[in-house]
Amino acid sequence: MRKRYVVVNKARFITIMCIFFLIILTLISIFVMPQKISSKSIDANTVYIVKSGDRLWDIASMVKSDDDIRKIINNISEANGISSDEHIYPGEILNIPYEMKS
């Protein structure tokens, strides 16, 4: 014969269940979905207006980063939807996912 449980106080049962689910959701958000914070986040984007004679290599050498310059060029290209061998033109606006040197 199975034991049957009867809810005596419905309001208290609902409150306890809500608290239980909030605790479970909090634990899931803390342990399962950690957010990776890096210095190259969207907030670190800089807008650069291309001048005559600029190349991606020159622009990449002006950023504050210890990364290899080829990686910087690749990241700039990806951020702007261009290939690294594609020409850039004066007046073109580029998003630079790094902080620029002063």
Protein backbone atom coordinates (compact mmCIF):
# COMPACT_ATOMS: atom_id res chain seq x y z
CA MET A 1 0.00 0.00 0.00
CA ARG A 2 1.39 3.43 -1.00
CA LYS A 3 1.61 6.34 1.37
CA ARG A 4 -0.45 9.33 0.35
CA TYR A 5 0.57 12.85 1.18
CA VAL A 6 -2.02 15.49 1.89
CA VAL A 7 -1.27 19.20 1.61
CA VAL A 8 -2.65 20.73 4.79
CA ASN A 9 -1.69 24.37 4.16
CA LYS A 10 -1.80 25.13 0.43
CA ALA A 11 -0.30 28.65 0.75
CA ARG A 12 2.72 27.38 2.70
CA PHE A 13 3.24 24.54 0.18
CA ILE A 14 3.22 26.97 -2.77
CA THR A 15 5.62 29.33 -0.97
CA ILE A 16 8.07 26.52 -0.19
CA MET A 17 7.92 25.22 -3.77
CA CYS A 18 8.58 28.72 -5.19
CA ILE A 19 11.58 29.17 -2.88
CA PHE A 20 12.86 25.72 -3.87
CA PHE A 21 12.63 26.52 -7.60
CA LEU A 22 14.30 29.92 -7.12
CA ILE A 23 17.20 28.23 -5.33
CA ILE A 24 17.51 25.66 -8.12
CA LEU A 25 17.46 28.38 -10.82
CA THR A 26 20.07 30.40 -8.94
CA LEU A 27 22.38 27.40 -8.64
CA ILE A 28 21.97 26.60 -12.32
CA SER A 29 22.80 30.17 -13.33
CA ILE A 30 25.87 30.26 -11.08
CA PHE A 31 27.41 26.90 -11.96
CA VAL A 32 26.15 25.96 -15.41
CA MET A 33 26.17 29.29 -17.22
CA PRO A 34 29.21 31.27 -16.03
CA GLN A 35 29.88 34.42 -18.01
CA LYS A 36 33.35 34.92 -19.36
CA ILE A 37 34.52 38.48 -18.91
CA SER A 38 37.47 39.63 -20.95
CA SER A 39 39.13 42.90 -21.81
CA LYS A 40 38.08 42.40 -25.43
CA SER A 41 34.36 42.57 -24.72
CA ILE A 42 31.94 44.64 -26.77
CA ASP A 43 32.50 47.56 -24.39
CA ALA A 44 36.18 47.71 -25.39
CA ASN A 45 35.32 48.55 -29.02
CA THR A 46 36.88 51.66 -30.48
CA VAL A 47 35.75 53.33 -33.68
CA TYR A 48 38.55 54.19 -36.11
CA ILE A 49 38.15 56.24 -39.29
CA VAL A 50 40.53 55.05 -41.99
CA LYS A 51 42.91 57.69 -43.32
CA SER A 52 44.64 57.74 -46.70
CA GLY A 53 47.47 55.20 -46.78
CA ASP A 54 46.25 53.21 -43.75
CA ARG A 55 46.52 49.44 -43.83
CA LEU A 56 45.12 46.89 -41.38
CA TRP A 57 48.70 46.14 -40.34
CA ASP A 58 49.25 49.83 -39.40
CA ILE A 59 45.97 50.04 -37.51
CA ALA A 60 46.70 46.77 -35.67
CA SER A 61 50.08 48.13 -34.54
CA MET A 62 48.29 51.06 -32.85
CA VAL A 63 46.29 48.95 -30.35
CA LYS A 64 47.16 48.17 -26.73
CA SER A 65 47.61 44.40 -26.76
CA ASP A 66 50.23 41.76 -26.18
CA ASP A 67 48.61 39.51 -28.81
CA ASP A 68 50.40 38.63 -32.03
CA ILE A 69 49.74 41.31 -34.66
CA ARG A 70 48.31 38.69 -37.07
CA LYS A 71 45.73 37.72 -34.44
CA ILE A 72 44.85 41.39 -33.92
CA ILE A 73 44.39 41.85 -37.69
CA ASN A 74 42.17 38.77 -37.79
CA ASN A 75 40.05 40.07 -34.87
CA ILE A 76 39.66 43.49 -36.51
CA SER A 77 38.69 41.82 -39.80
CA GLU A 78 36.11 39.60 -38.08
CA ALA A 79 34.66 42.55 -36.14
CA ASN A 80 34.08 44.41 -39.42
CA GLY A 81 33.05 41.52 -41.67
CA ILE A 82 36.01 41.88 -44.02
CA SER A 83 38.80 39.50 -45.00
CA SER A 84 42.34 40.41 -43.94
CA ASP A 85 43.44 40.79 -47.59
CA GLU A 86 40.49 43.03 -48.52
CA HIS A 87 41.22 46.69 -49.23
CA ILE A 88 40.12 49.41 -46.82
CA TYR A 89 39.37 52.90 -48.04
CA PRO A 90 39.81 56.40 -46.59
CA GLY A 91 36.74 57.50 -44.64
CA GLU A 92 35.70 53.92 -43.91
CA ILE A 93 34.70 53.38 -40.27
CA LEU A 94 36.19 50.32 -38.55
CA ASN A 95 35.25 48.84 -35.20
CA ILE A 96 38.45 47.98 -33.33
CA PRO A 97 37.83 45.40 -30.57
CA TYR A 98 40.80 46.73 -28.59
CA GLU A 99 41.79 49.87 -26.75
CA MET A 100 43.98 52.17 -28.84
CA LYS A 101 47.39 53.46 -27.70
CA SER A 102 47.46 57.14 -26.77
